[in-house]
């Protein structure tokens, strides 16, 4: 199989270092919480015990041959970037000191996924 470039988008969120239902996590399954959490604050069943650690979520376009060794969700629909023009030493009077834009931006579309 020939090698092809792959776009992987990484999003860093606050994750939890604890394991659902195992001390010091105090969350338990019950009628009000029929599902375990996914180690995120939004899904946490014991927010007072939430132990914040960085959690990196990786998304790529759905296709065979994604890189091995990392969990990559094949749910990426599109990636758009808006680049910035650099104005080194203010050489171009028509641009501001930081260039043509104050920031560079990216956006991406991610398909809904079920983690289970």
PDB file of N, CA and C in Angstrom:
ATOM      1  N   UNK A   1       0.843  -1.169   0.000  1.00  0.00           N
ATOM      2  CA  UNK A   1       0.000   0.000   0.000  1.00  0.00           C
ATOM      3  C   UNK A   1       0.893   1.238   0.000  1.00  0.00           C
ATOM      4  N   UNK A   2       0.659   2.182  -0.919  1.00  0.00           N
ATOM      5  CA  UNK A   2       1.488   3.389  -0.953  1.00  0.00           C
ATOM      6  C   UNK A   2       1.199   4.295   0.239  1.00  0.00           C
ATOM      7  N   UNK A   3       2.207   5.043   0.639  1.00  0.00           N
ATOM      8  CA  UNK A   3       2.038   5.969   1.754  1.00  0.00           C
ATOM      9  C   UNK A   3       1.309   7.215   1.277  1.00  0.00           C
ATOM     10  N   UNK A   4       0.378   7.707   2.109  1.00  0.00           N
ATOM     11  CA  UNK A   4      -0.387   8.907   1.802  1.00  0.00           C
ATOM     12  C   UNK A   4      -0.431   9.792   3.032  1.00  0.00           C
ATOM     13  N   UNK A   5      -0.428  11.113   2.830  1.00  0.00           N
ATOM     14  CA  UNK A   5      -0.531  12.000   3.991  1.00  0.00           C
ATOM     15  C   UNK A   5      -1.904  11.878   4.651  1.00  0.00           C
ATOM     16  N   UNK A   6      -1.926  12.057   5.953  1.00  0.00           N
ATOM     17  CA  UNK A   6      -3.157  11.980   6.736  1.00  0.00           C
ATOM     18  C   UNK A   6      -3.251  13.252   7.568  1.00  0.00           C
ATOM     19  N   UNK A   7      -4.421  13.862   7.587  1.00  0.00           N
ATOM     20  CA  UNK A   7      -4.647  15.019   8.454  1.00  0.00           C
ATOM     21  C   UNK A   7      -5.225  14.517   9.763  1.00  0.00           C
ATOM     22  N   UNK A   8      -4.550  14.847  10.856  1.00  0.00           N
ATOM     23  CA  UNK A   8      -5.023  14.486  12.191  1.00  0.00           C
ATOM     24  C   UNK A   8      -5.212  15.777  12.970  1.00  0.00           C
ATOM     25  N   UNK A   9      -6.412  15.973  13.505  1.00  0.00           N
ATOM     26  CA  UNK A   9      -6.707  17.141  14.324  1.00  0.00           C
ATOM     27  C   UNK A   9      -6.692  16.696  15.777  1.00  0.00           C
ATOM     28  N   UNK A  10      -5.903  17.395  16.601  1.00  0.00           N
ATOM     29  CA  UNK A  10      -5.824  17.096  18.024  1.00  0.00           C
ATOM     30  C   UNK A  10      -6.524  18.192  18.807  1.00  0.00           C
ATOM     31  N   UNK A  11      -7.386  17.785  19.727  1.00  0.00           N
ATOM     32  CA  UNK A  11      -8.079  18.725  20.600  1.00  0.00           C
ATOM     33  C   UNK A  11      -7.754  18.330  22.037  1.00  0.00           C
ATOM     34  N   UNK A  12      -7.198  19.260  22.788  1.00  0.00           N
ATOM     35  CA  UNK A  12      -6.864  18.997  24.185  1.00  0.00           C
ATOM     36  C   UNK A  12      -8.017  19.456  25.071  1.00  0.00           C
ATOM     37  N   UNK A  13      -8.492  18.546  25.920  1.00  0.00           N
ATOM     38  CA  UNK A  13      -9.570  18.839  26.862  1.00  0.00           C
ATOM     39  C   UNK A  13      -9.125  18.411  28.256  1.00  0.00           C
ATOM     40  N   UNK A  14      -9.880  18.841  29.253  1.00  0.00           N
ATOM     41  CA  UNK A  14      -9.606  18.390  30.612  1.00  0.00           C
ATOM     42  C   UNK A  14     -10.157  16.981  30.775  1.00  0.00           C
ATOM     43  N   UNK A  15      -9.292  16.047  31.124  1.00  0.00           N
ATOM     44  CA  UNK A  15      -9.692  14.673  31.382  1.00  0.00           C
ATOM     45  C   UNK A  15      -9.551  14.369  32.854  1.00  0.00           C
ATOM     46  N   UNK A  16      -9.958  13.175  33.256  1.00  0.00           N
ATOM     47  CA  UNK A  16      -9.853  12.771  34.655  1.00  0.00           C
ATOM     48  C   UNK A  16      -8.872  11.610  34.763  1.00  0.00           C
ATOM     49  N   UNK A  17      -8.023  11.669  35.769  1.00  0.00           N
ATOM     50  CA  UNK A  17      -7.022  10.630  35.983  1.00  0.00           C
ATOM     51  C   UNK A  17      -7.594   9.401  36.681  1.00  0.00           C
ATOM     52  N   UNK A  18      -8.819   9.502  37.194  1.00  0.00           N
ATOM     53  CA  UNK A  18      -9.398   8.412  37.978  1.00  0.00           C
ATOM     54  C   UNK A  18     -10.128   7.407  37.075  1.00  0.00           C
ATOM     55  N   UNK A  19     -10.440   6.255  37.637  1.00  0.00           N
ATOM     56  CA  UNK A  19     -11.200   5.217  36.944  1.00  0.00           C
ATOM     57  C   UNK A  19     -12.571   5.123  37.583  1.00  0.00           C
ATOM     58  N   UNK A  20     -13.610   5.116  36.754  1.00  0.00           N
ATOM     59  CA  UNK A  20     -14.992   5.123  37.236  1.00  0.00           C
ATOM     60  C   UNK A  20     -15.229   4.021  38.269  1.00  0.00           C
ATOM     61  N   UNK A  21     -15.754   4.423  39.441  1.00  0.00           N
ATOM     62  CA  UNK A  21     -16.155   3.467  40.472  1.00  0.00           C
ATOM     63  C   UNK A  21     -15.042   2.864  41.297  1.00  0.00           C
ATOM     64  N   UNK A  22     -13.790   3.222  41.019  1.00  0.00           N
ATOM     65  CA  UNK A  22     -12.662   2.685  41.785  1.00  0.00           C
ATOM     66  C   UNK A  22     -12.070   3.838  42.599  1.00  0.00           C
ATOM     67  N   UNK A  23     -11.986   3.651  43.918  1.00  0.00           N
ATOM     68  CA  UNK A  23     -11.502   4.709  44.813  1.00  0.00           C
ATOM     69  C   UNK A  23     -10.166   5.249  44.308  1.00  0.00           C
ATOM     70  N   UNK A  24     -10.008   6.554  44.349  1.00  0.00           N
ATOM     71  CA  UNK A  24     -10.795   7.570  45.032  1.00  0.00           C
ATOM     72  C   UNK A  24     -12.000   8.112  44.239  1.00  0.00           C
ATOM     73  N   UNK A  25     -12.307   7.565  43.068  1.00  0.00           N
ATOM     74  CA  UNK A  25     -13.515   7.982  42.347  1.00  0.00           C
ATOM     75  C   UNK A  25     -14.734   7.465  43.108  1.00  0.00           C
ATOM     76  N   UNK A  26     -15.683   8.365  43.377  1.00  0.00           N
ATOM     77  CA  UNK A  26     -16.857   7.996  44.171  1.00  0.00           C
ATOM     78  C   UNK A  26     -18.104   7.784  43.316  1.00  0.00           C
ATOM     79  N   UNK A  27     -17.978   7.829  42.004  1.00  0.00           N
ATOM     80  CA  UNK A  27     -19.134   7.665  41.114  1.00  0.00           C
ATOM     81  C   UNK A  27     -19.616   6.219  41.112  1.00  0.00           C
ATOM     82  N   UNK A  28     -20.928   6.049  41.035  1.00  0.00           N
ATOM     83  CA  UNK A  28     -21.542   4.719  40.967  1.00  0.00           C
ATOM     84  C   UNK A  28     -22.688   4.754  39.963  1.00  0.00           C
ATOM     85  N   UNK A  29     -22.975   3.598  39.383  1.00  0.00           N
ATOM     86  CA  UNK A  29     -24.124   3.488  38.500  1.00  0.00           C
ATOM     87  C   UNK A  29     -25.386   3.412  39.334  1.00  0.00           C
ATOM     88  N   UNK A  30     -26.432   4.125  38.900  1.00  0.00           N
ATOM     89  CA  UNK A  30     -27.734   4.071  39.567  1.00  0.00           C
ATOM     90  C   UNK A  30     -28.785   4.541  38.570  1.00  0.00           C
ATOM     91  N   UNK A  31     -30.026   4.680  39.019  1.00  0.00           N
ATOM     92  CA  UNK A  31     -31.104   5.087  38.117  1.00  0.00           C
ATOM     93  C   UNK A  31     -30.838   6.460  37.500  1.00  0.00           C
ATOM     94  N   UNK A  32     -30.225   7.357  38.260  1.00  0.00           N
ATOM     95  CA  UNK A  32     -29.913   8.691  37.754  1.00  0.00           C
ATOM     96  C   UNK A  32     -28.669   8.733  36.890  1.00  0.00           C
ATOM     97  N   UNK A  33     -27.819   7.728  37.001  1.00  0.00           N
ATOM     98  CA  UNK A  33     -26.588   7.663  36.212  1.00  0.00           C
ATOM     99  C   UNK A  33     -26.442   6.230  35.695  1.00  0.00           C
ATOM    100  N   UNK A  34     -27.126   5.912  34.588  1.00  0.00           N
ATOM    101  CA  UNK A  34     -27.097   4.544  34.075  1.00  0.00           C
ATOM    102  C   UNK A  34     -25.841   4.209  33.262  1.00  0.00           C
ATOM    103  N   UNK A  35     -25.004   5.229  32.961  1.00  0.00           N
ATOM    104  CA  UNK A  35     -23.803   4.998  32.149  1.00  0.00           C
ATOM    105  C   UNK A  35     -22.556   5.480  32.877  1.00  0.00           C
ATOM    106  N   UNK A  36     -21.444   4.800  32.625  1.00  0.00           N
ATOM    107  CA  UNK A  36     -20.162   5.245  33.167  1.00  0.00           C
ATOM    108  C   UNK A  36     -19.739   6.526  32.454  1.00  0.00           C
ATOM    109  N   UNK A  37     -18.809   7.249  33.064  1.00  0.00           N
ATOM    110  CA  UNK A  37     -18.299   8.467  32.439  1.00  0.00           C
ATOM    111  C   UNK A  37     -17.282   8.113  31.350  1.00  0.00           C
ATOM    112  N   UNK A  38     -16.874   9.139  30.614  1.00  0.00           N
ATOM    113  CA  UNK A  38     -15.845   8.981  29.584  1.00  0.00           C
ATOM    114  C   UNK A  38     -14.603   9.784  29.951  1.00  0.00           C
ATOM    115  N   UNK A  39     -14.360   9.896  31.241  1.00  0.00           N
ATOM    116  CA  UNK A  39     -13.203  10.612  31.788  1.00  0.00           C
ATOM    117  C   UNK A  39     -13.158  12.082  31.358  1.00  0.00           C
ATOM    118  N   UNK A  40     -14.334  12.691  31.207  1.00  0.00           N
ATOM    119  CA  UNK A  40     -14.434  14.124  30.956  1.00  0.00           C
ATOM    120  C   UNK A  40     -15.306  14.734  32.036  1.00  0.00           C
ATOM    121  N   UNK A  41     -15.137  16.031  32.278  1.00  0.00           N
ATOM    122  CA  UNK A  41     -15.905  16.692  33.327  1.00  0.00           C
ATOM    123  C   UNK A  41     -17.396  16.650  33.024  1.00  0.00           C
ATOM    124  N   UNK A  42     -17.758  16.820  31.748  1.00  0.00           N
ATOM    125  CA  UNK A  42     -19.172  16.833  31.362  1.00  0.00           C
ATOM    126  C   UNK A  42     -19.862  15.510  31.655  1.00  0.00           C
ATOM    127  N   UNK A  43     -19.149  14.390  31.586  1.00  0.00           N
ATOM    128  CA  UNK A  43     -19.757  13.074  31.809  1.00  0.00           C
ATOM    129  C   UNK A  43     -19.459  12.522  33.203  1.00  0.00           C
ATOM    130  N   UNK A  44     -18.782  13.308  34.040  1.00  0.00           N
ATOM    131  CA  UNK A  44     -18.354  12.853  35.362  1.00  0.00           C
ATOM    132  C   UNK A  44     -19.541  12.680  36.311  1.00  0.00           C
ATOM    133  N   UNK A  45     -19.576  11.556  37.003  1.00  0.00           N
ATOM    134  CA  UNK A  45     -20.619  11.287  37.982  1.00  0.00           C
ATOM    135  C   UNK A  45     -20.231  11.684  39.387  1.00  0.00           C
ATOM    136  N   UNK A  46     -19.002  12.149  39.582  1.00  0.00           N
ATOM    137  CA  UNK A  46     -18.526  12.568  40.912  1.00  0.00           C
ATOM    138  C   UNK A  46     -17.626  13.786  40.734  1.00  0.00           C
ATOM    139  N   UNK A  47     -18.234  14.902  40.333  1.00  0.00           N
ATOM    140  CA  UNK A  47     -17.460  16.097  39.975  1.00  0.00           C
ATOM    141  C   UNK A  47     -16.550  16.582  41.109  1.00  0.00           C
ATOM    142  N   UNK A  48     -16.928  16.340  42.357  1.00  0.00           N
ATOM    143  CA  UNK A  48     -16.078  16.754  43.484  1.00  0.00           C
ATOM    144  C   UNK A  48     -14.775  15.960  43.517  1.00  0.00           C
ATOM    145  N   UNK A  49     -14.781  14.765  42.953  1.00  0.00           N
ATOM    146  CA  UNK A  49     -13.577  13.922  42.948  1.00  0.00           C
ATOM    147  C   UNK A  49     -12.801  14.028  41.637  1.00  0.00           C
ATOM    148  N   UNK A  50     -13.280  14.836  40.685  1.00  0.00           N
ATOM    149  CA  UNK A  50     -12.628  14.962  39.372  1.00  0.00           C
ATOM    150  C   UNK A  50     -11.168  15.361  39.545  1.00  0.00           C
ATOM    151  N   UNK A  51     -10.272  14.574  38.971  1.00  0.00           N
ATOM    152  CA  UNK A  51      -8.830  14.813  39.080  1.00  0.00           C
ATOM    153  C   UNK A  51      -8.299  15.190  37.697  1.00  0.00           C
ATOM    154  N   UNK A  52      -8.171  16.495  37.458  1.00  0.00           N
ATOM    155  CA  UNK A  52      -7.875  17.048  36.140  1.00  0.00           C
ATOM    156  C   UNK A  52      -6.489  16.647  35.617  1.00  0.00           C
ATOM    157  N   UNK A  53      -6.470  16.099  34.388  1.00  0.00           N
ATOM    158  CA  UNK A  53      -5.245  15.827  33.639  1.00  0.00           C
ATOM    159  C   UNK A  53      -5.527  16.151  32.172  1.00  0.00           C
ATOM    160  N   UNK A  54      -4.500  16.459  31.385  1.00  0.00           N
ATOM    161  CA  UNK A  54      -4.738  16.724  29.967  1.00  0.00           C
ATOM    162  C   UNK A  54      -5.179  15.445  29.248  1.00  0.00           C
ATOM    163  N   UNK A  55      -6.176  15.578  28.389  1.00  0.00           N
ATOM    164  CA  UNK A  55      -6.664  14.470  27.579  1.00  0.00           C
ATOM    165  C   UNK A  55      -6.676  14.950  26.133  1.00  0.00           C
ATOM    166  N   UNK A  56      -5.934  14.285  25.267  1.00  0.00           N
ATOM    167  CA  UNK A  56      -5.857  14.671  23.864  1.00  0.00           C
ATOM    168  C   UNK A  56      -6.742  13.750  23.037  1.00  0.00           C
ATOM    169  N   UNK A  57      -7.718  14.351  22.348  1.00  0.00           N
ATOM    170  CA  UNK A  57      -8.589  13.613  21.439  1.00  0.00           C
ATOM    171  C   UNK A  57      -8.069  13.833  20.023  1.00  0.00           C
ATOM    172  N   UNK A  58      -7.945  12.756  19.262  1.00  0.00           N
ATOM    173  CA  UNK A  58      -7.411  12.843  17.897  1.00  0.00           C
ATOM    174  C   UNK A  58      -8.472  12.382  16.899  1.00  0.00           C
ATOM    175  N   UNK A  59      -8.640  13.179  15.833  1.00  0.00           N
ATOM    176  CA  UNK A  59      -9.618  12.877  14.803  1.00  0.00           C
ATOM    177  C   UNK A  59      -8.939  12.901  13.434  1.00  0.00           C
ATOM    178  N   UNK A  60      -9.344  11.983  12.551  1.00  0.00           N
ATOM    179  CA  UNK A  60      -8.837  11.942  11.175  1.00  0.00           C
ATOM    180  C   UNK A  60      -9.996  11.593  10.257  1.00  0.00           C
ATOM    181  N   UNK A  61      -9.774  11.782   8.953  1.00  0.00           N
ATOM    182  CA  UNK A  61     -10.825  11.416   8.020  1.00  0.00           C
ATOM    183  C   UNK A  61     -11.011   9.896   8.030  1.00  0.00           C
ATOM    184  N   UNK A  62     -12.257   9.450   7.856  1.00  0.00           N
ATOM    185  CA  UNK A  62     -12.525   8.009   7.930  1.00  0.00           C
ATOM    186  C   UNK A  62     -11.997   7.284   6.701  1.00  0.00           C
ATOM    187  N   UNK A  63     -10.924   6.539   6.871  1.00  0.00           N
ATOM    188  CA  UNK A  63     -10.340   5.769   5.778  1.00  0.00           C
ATOM    189  C   UNK A  63      -9.425   4.704   6.352  1.00  0.00           C
ATOM    190  N   UNK A  64      -9.122   3.695   5.570  1.00  0.00           N
ATOM    191  CA  UNK A  64      -8.219   2.653   6.078  1.00  0.00           C
ATOM    192  C   UNK A  64      -6.787   3.169   6.186  1.00  0.00           C
ATOM    193  N   UNK A  65      -6.006   2.500   7.000  1.00  0.00           N
ATOM    194  CA  UNK A  65      -4.577   2.804   7.095  1.00  0.00           C
ATOM    195  C   UNK A  65      -4.227   3.967   7.990  1.00  0.00           C
ATOM    196  N   UNK A  66      -5.077   4.283   8.989  1.00  0.00           N
ATOM    197  CA  UNK A  66      -4.723   5.355   9.915  1.00  0.00           C
ATOM    198  C   UNK A  66      -3.511   4.938  10.743  1.00  0.00           C
ATOM    199  N   UNK A  67      -2.706   5.906  11.191  1.00  0.00           N
ATOM    200  CA  UNK A  67      -1.511   5.566  11.966  1.00  0.00           C
ATOM    201  C   UNK A  67      -1.826   4.706  13.177  1.00  0.00           C
ATOM    202  N   UNK A  68      -0.965   3.762  13.452  1.00  0.00           N
ATOM    203  CA  UNK A  68      -1.135   2.882  14.606  1.00  0.00           C
ATOM    204  C   UNK A  68      -0.384   3.458  15.801  1.00  0.00           C
ATOM    205  N   UNK A  69      -0.769   3.032  17.001  1.00  0.00           N
ATOM    206  CA  UNK A  69      -0.073   3.457  18.204  1.00  0.00           C
ATOM    207  C   UNK A  69      -0.762   4.572  18.959  1.00  0.00           C
ATOM    208  N   UNK A  70      -1.809   5.170  18.384  1.00  0.00           N
ATOM    209  CA  UNK A  70      -2.571   6.213  19.072  1.00  0.00           C
ATOM    210  C   UNK A  70      -4.046   5.983  18.769  1.00  0.00           C
ATOM    211  N   UNK A  71      -4.905   6.388  19.684  1.00  0.00           N
ATOM    212  CA  UNK A  71      -6.338   6.285  19.435  1.00  0.00           C
ATOM    213  C   UNK A  71      -6.755   7.472  18.583  1.00  0.00           C
ATOM    214  N   UNK A  72      -7.181   7.173  17.361  1.00  0.00           N
ATOM    215  CA  UNK A  72      -7.618   8.210  16.423  1.00  0.00           C
ATOM    216  C   UNK A  72      -9.037   7.882  15.995  1.00  0.00           C
ATOM    217  N   UNK A  73      -9.963   8.812  16.238  1.00  0.00           N
ATOM    218  CA  UNK A  73     -11.350   8.610  15.859  1.00  0.00           C
ATOM    219  C   UNK A  73     -11.521   8.980  14.381  1.00  0.00           C
ATOM    220  N   UNK A  74     -11.999   8.077  13.546  1.00  0.00           N
ATOM    221  CA  UNK A  74     -12.160   8.369  12.115  1.00  0.00           C
ATOM    222  C   UNK A  74     -13.453   9.148  11.857  1.00  0.00           C
ATOM    223  N   UNK A  75     -13.518  10.392  12.319  1.00  0.00           N
ATOM    224  CA  UNK A  75     -14.755  11.161  12.250  1.00  0.00           C
ATOM    225  C   UNK A  75     -14.565  12.566  11.680  1.00  0.00           C
ATOM    226  N   UNK A  76     -13.398  12.872  11.154  1.00  0.00           N
ATOM    227  CA  UNK A  76     -13.113  14.217  10.653  1.00  0.00           C
ATOM    228  C   UNK A  76     -13.768  14.412   9.286  1.00  0.00           C
ATOM    229  N   UNK A  77     -14.546  15.469   9.142  1.00  0.00           N
ATOM    230  CA  UNK A  77     -15.222  15.752   7.879  1.00  0.00           C
ATOM    231  C   UNK A  77     -14.464  16.751   7.024  1.00  0.00           C
ATOM    232  N   UNK A  78     -13.918  17.794   7.653  1.00  0.00           N
ATOM    233  CA  UNK A  78     -13.196  18.817   6.898  1.00  0.00           C
ATOM    234  C   UNK A  78     -12.262  19.591   7.824  1.00  0.00           C
ATOM    235  N   UNK A  79     -11.256  20.217   7.230  1.00  0.00           N
ATOM    236  CA  UNK A  79     -10.344  21.098   7.965  1.00  0.00           C
ATOM    237  C   UNK A  79     -10.147  22.340   7.111  1.00  0.00           C
ATOM    238  N   UNK A  80     -10.313  23.499   7.716  1.00  0.00           N
ATOM    239  CA  UNK A  80     -10.120  24.762   7.017  1.00  0.00           C
ATOM    240  C   UNK A  80      -9.141  25.595   7.834  1.00  0.00           C
ATOM    241  N   UNK A  81      -8.175  26.192   7.170  1.00  0.00           N
ATOM    242  CA  UNK A  81      -7.229  27.061   7.873  1.00  0.00           C
ATOM    243  C   UNK A  81      -7.213  28.435   7.212  1.00  0.00           C
ATOM    244  N   UNK A  82      -6.993  29.442   8.013  1.00  0.00           N
ATOM    245  CA  UNK A  82      -6.869  30.811   7.545  1.00  0.00           C
ATOM    246  C   UNK A  82      -5.483  31.276   7.966  1.00  0.00           C
ATOM    247  N   UNK A  83      -4.621  31.514   7.000  1.00  0.00           N
ATOM    248  CA  UNK A  83      -3.234  31.826   7.343  1.00  0.00           C
ATOM    249  C   UNK A  83      -3.050  33.313   7.619  1.00  0.00           C
ATOM    250  N   UNK A  84      -1.929  33.611   8.199  1.00  0.00           N
ATOM    251  CA  UNK A  84      -1.579  34.968   8.585  1.00  0.00           C
ATOM    252  C   UNK A  84      -0.399  35.426   7.737  1.00  0.00           C
ATOM    253  N   UNK A  85      -0.392  36.692   7.380  1.00  0.00           N
ATOM    254  CA  UNK A  85       0.742  37.272   6.670  1.00  0.00           C
ATOM    255  C   UNK A  85       1.684  37.878   7.703  1.00  0.00           C
ATOM    256  N   UNK A  86       2.954  37.550   7.618  1.00  0.00           N
ATOM    257  CA  UNK A  86       3.940  38.065   8.568  1.00  0.00           C
ATOM    258  C   UNK A  86       4.557  39.348   8.007  1.00  0.00           C
ATOM    259  N   UNK A  87       4.693  40.355   8.836  1.00  0.00           N
ATOM    260  CA  UNK A  87       5.287  41.631   8.444  1.00  0.00           C
ATOM    261  C   UNK A  87       6.574  41.822   9.236  1.00  0.00           C
ATOM    262  N   UNK A  88       7.640  41.173   8.784  1.00  0.00           N
ATOM    263  CA  UNK A  88       8.918  41.189   9.492  1.00  0.00           C
ATOM    264  C   UNK A  88       9.482  42.605   9.531  1.00  0.00           C
ATOM    265  N   UNK A  89       9.791  43.060  10.746  1.00  0.00           N
ATOM    266  CA  UNK A  89      10.395  44.374  11.002  1.00  0.00           C
ATOM    267  C   UNK A  89       9.553  45.509  10.432  1.00  0.00           C
ATOM    268  N   UNK A  90       8.245  45.307  10.222  1.00  0.00           N
ATOM    269  CA  UNK A  90       7.371  46.365   9.718  1.00  0.00           C
ATOM    270  C   UNK A  90       7.726  46.822   8.327  1.00  0.00           C
ATOM    271  N   UNK A  91       8.256  45.921   7.500  1.00  0.00           N
ATOM    272  CA  UNK A  91       8.716  46.282   6.156  1.00  0.00           C
ATOM    273  C   UNK A  91       7.585  46.737   5.235  1.00  0.00           C
ATOM    274  N   UNK A  92       6.374  46.270   5.459  1.00  0.00           N
ATOM    275  CA  UNK A  92       5.238  46.633   4.611  1.00  0.00           C
ATOM    276  C   UNK A  92       4.342  47.596   5.387  1.00  0.00           C
ATOM    277  N   UNK A  93       4.322  48.877   4.953  1.00  0.00           N
ATOM    278  CA  UNK A  93       3.546  49.895   5.660  1.00  0.00           C
ATOM    279  C   UNK A  93       2.038  49.646   5.591  1.00  0.00           C
ATOM    280  N   UNK A  94       1.574  48.828   4.633  1.00  0.00           N
ATOM    281  CA  UNK A  94       0.134  48.588   4.491  1.00  0.00           C
ATOM    282  C   UNK A  94      -0.379  47.547   5.489  1.00  0.00           C
ATOM    283  N   UNK A  95       0.538  46.877   6.195  1.00  0.00           N
ATOM    284  CA  UNK A  95       0.156  45.858   7.169  1.00  0.00           C
ATOM    285  C   UNK A  95       0.495  46.332   8.573  1.00  0.00           C
ATOM    286  N   UNK A  96      -0.197  45.796   9.558  1.00  0.00           N
ATOM    287  CA  UNK A  96       0.122  46.098  10.949  1.00  0.00           C
ATOM    288  C   UNK A  96       1.408  45.406  11.358  1.00  0.00           C
ATOM    289  N   UNK A  97       1.895  45.665  12.572  1.00  0.00           N
ATOM    290  CA  UNK A  97       3.153  45.076  13.012  1.00  0.00           C
ATOM    291  C   UNK A  97       3.139  43.552  13.085  1.00  0.00           C
ATOM    292  N   UNK A  98       1.945  42.968  13.271  1.00  0.00           N
ATOM    293  CA  UNK A  98       1.910  41.509  13.328  1.00  0.00           C
ATOM    294  C   UNK A  98       1.447  40.892  12.016  1.00  0.00           C
ATOM    295  N   UNK A  99       1.286  41.704  10.982  1.00  0.00           N
ATOM    296  CA  UNK A  99       0.941  41.165   9.666  1.00  0.00           C
ATOM    297  C   UNK A  99      -0.474  41.494   9.248  1.00  0.00           C
ATOM    298  N   UNK A 100      -1.001  40.673   8.335  1.00  0.00           N
ATOM    299  CA  UNK A 100      -2.300  40.931   7.735  1.00  0.00           C
ATOM    300  C   UNK A 100      -3.471  40.505   8.584  1.00  0.00           C
ATOM    301  N   UNK A 101      -3.246  39.693   9.556  1.00  0.00           N
ATOM    302  CA  UNK A 101      -4.316  39.248  10.445  1.00  0.00           C
ATOM    303  C   UNK A 101      -3.753  39.169  11.852  1.00  0.00           C
ATOM    304  N   UNK A 102      -4.578  39.398  12.835  1.00  0.00           N
ATOM    305  CA  UNK A 102      -4.102  39.337  14.211  1.00  0.00           C
ATOM    306  C   UNK A 102      -3.885  37.909  14.678  1.00  0.00           C
ATOM    307  N   UNK A 103      -4.587  36.941  14.084  1.00  0.00           N
ATOM    308  CA  UNK A 103      -4.462  35.547  14.486  1.00  0.00           C
ATOM    309  C   UNK A 103      -4.585  34.649  13.266  1.00  0.00           C
ATOM    310  N   UNK A 104      -4.018  33.486  13.368  1.00  0.00           N
ATOM    311  CA  UNK A 104      -4.330  32.465  12.373  1.00  0.00           C
ATOM    312  C   UNK A 104      -5.399  31.579  12.994  1.00  0.00           C
ATOM    313  N   UNK A 105      -6.318  31.075  12.183  1.00  0.00           N
ATOM    314  CA  UNK A 105      -7.430  30.295  12.698  1.00  0.00           C
ATOM    315  C   UNK A 105      -7.575  29.005  11.908  1.00  0.00           C
ATOM    316  N   UNK A 106      -8.127  28.040  12.554  1.00  0.00           N
ATOM    317  CA  UNK A 106      -8.462  26.771  11.914  1.00  0.00           C
ATOM    318  C   UNK A 106      -9.849  26.365  12.373  1.00  0.00           C
ATOM    319  N   UNK A 107     -10.543  25.639  11.530  1.00  0.00           N
ATOM    320  CA  UNK A 107     -11.816  25.062  11.935  1.00  0.00           C
ATOM    321  C   UNK A 107     -11.911  23.675  11.346  1.00  0.00           C
ATOM    322  N   UNK A 108     -12.703  22.835  11.967  1.00  0.00           N
ATOM    323  CA  UNK A 108     -12.883  21.493  11.444  1.00  0.00           C
ATOM    324  C   UNK A 108     -14.289  21.014  11.750  1.00  0.00           C
ATOM    325  N   UNK A 109     -14.757  20.092  10.951  1.00  0.00           N
ATOM    326  CA  UNK A 109     -16.053  19.478  11.184  1.00  0.00           C
ATOM    327  C   UNK A 109     -15.826  18.053  11.640  1.00  0.00           C
ATOM    328  N   UNK A 110     -16.518  17.639  12.671  1.00  0.00           N
ATOM    329  CA  UNK A 110     -16.353  16.299  13.220  1.00  0.00           C
ATOM    330  C   UNK A 110     -17.712  15.620  13.236  1.00  0.00           C
ATOM    331  N   UNK A 111     -17.791  14.442  12.670  1.00  0.00           N
ATOM    332  CA  UNK A 111     -19.041  13.671  12.669  1.00  0.00           C
ATOM    333  C   UNK A 111     -19.359  13.208  14.078  1.00  0.00           C
ATOM    334  N   UNK A 112     -20.643  13.090  14.406  1.00  0.00           N
ATOM    335  CA  UNK A 112     -20.993  12.515  15.706  1.00  0.00           C
ATOM    336  C   UNK A 112     -20.469  11.077  15.818  1.00  0.00           C
ATOM    337  N   UNK A 113     -19.932  10.732  16.968  1.00  0.00           N
ATOM    338  CA  UNK A 113     -19.407   9.390  17.184  1.00  0.00           C
ATOM    339  C   UNK A 113     -19.984   8.825  18.483  1.00  0.00           C
ATOM    340  N   UNK A 114     -20.027   7.548  18.567  1.00  0.00           N
ATOM    341  CA  UNK A 114     -20.467   6.874  19.788  1.00  0.00           C
ATOM    342  C   UNK A 114     -19.275   6.196  20.411  1.00  0.00           C
ATOM    343  N   UNK A 115     -18.992   6.528  21.655  1.00  0.00           N
ATOM    344  CA  UNK A 115     -17.890   5.904  22.386  1.00  0.00           C
ATOM    345  C   UNK A 115     -18.524   4.920  23.353  1.00  0.00           C
ATOM    346  N   UNK A 116     -18.149   3.691  23.229  1.00  0.00           N
ATOM    347  CA  UNK A 116     -18.809   2.750  24.114  1.00  0.00           C
ATOM    348  C   UNK A 116     -18.052   1.584  24.337  1.00  0.00           C
TER     349      UNK A 116
END
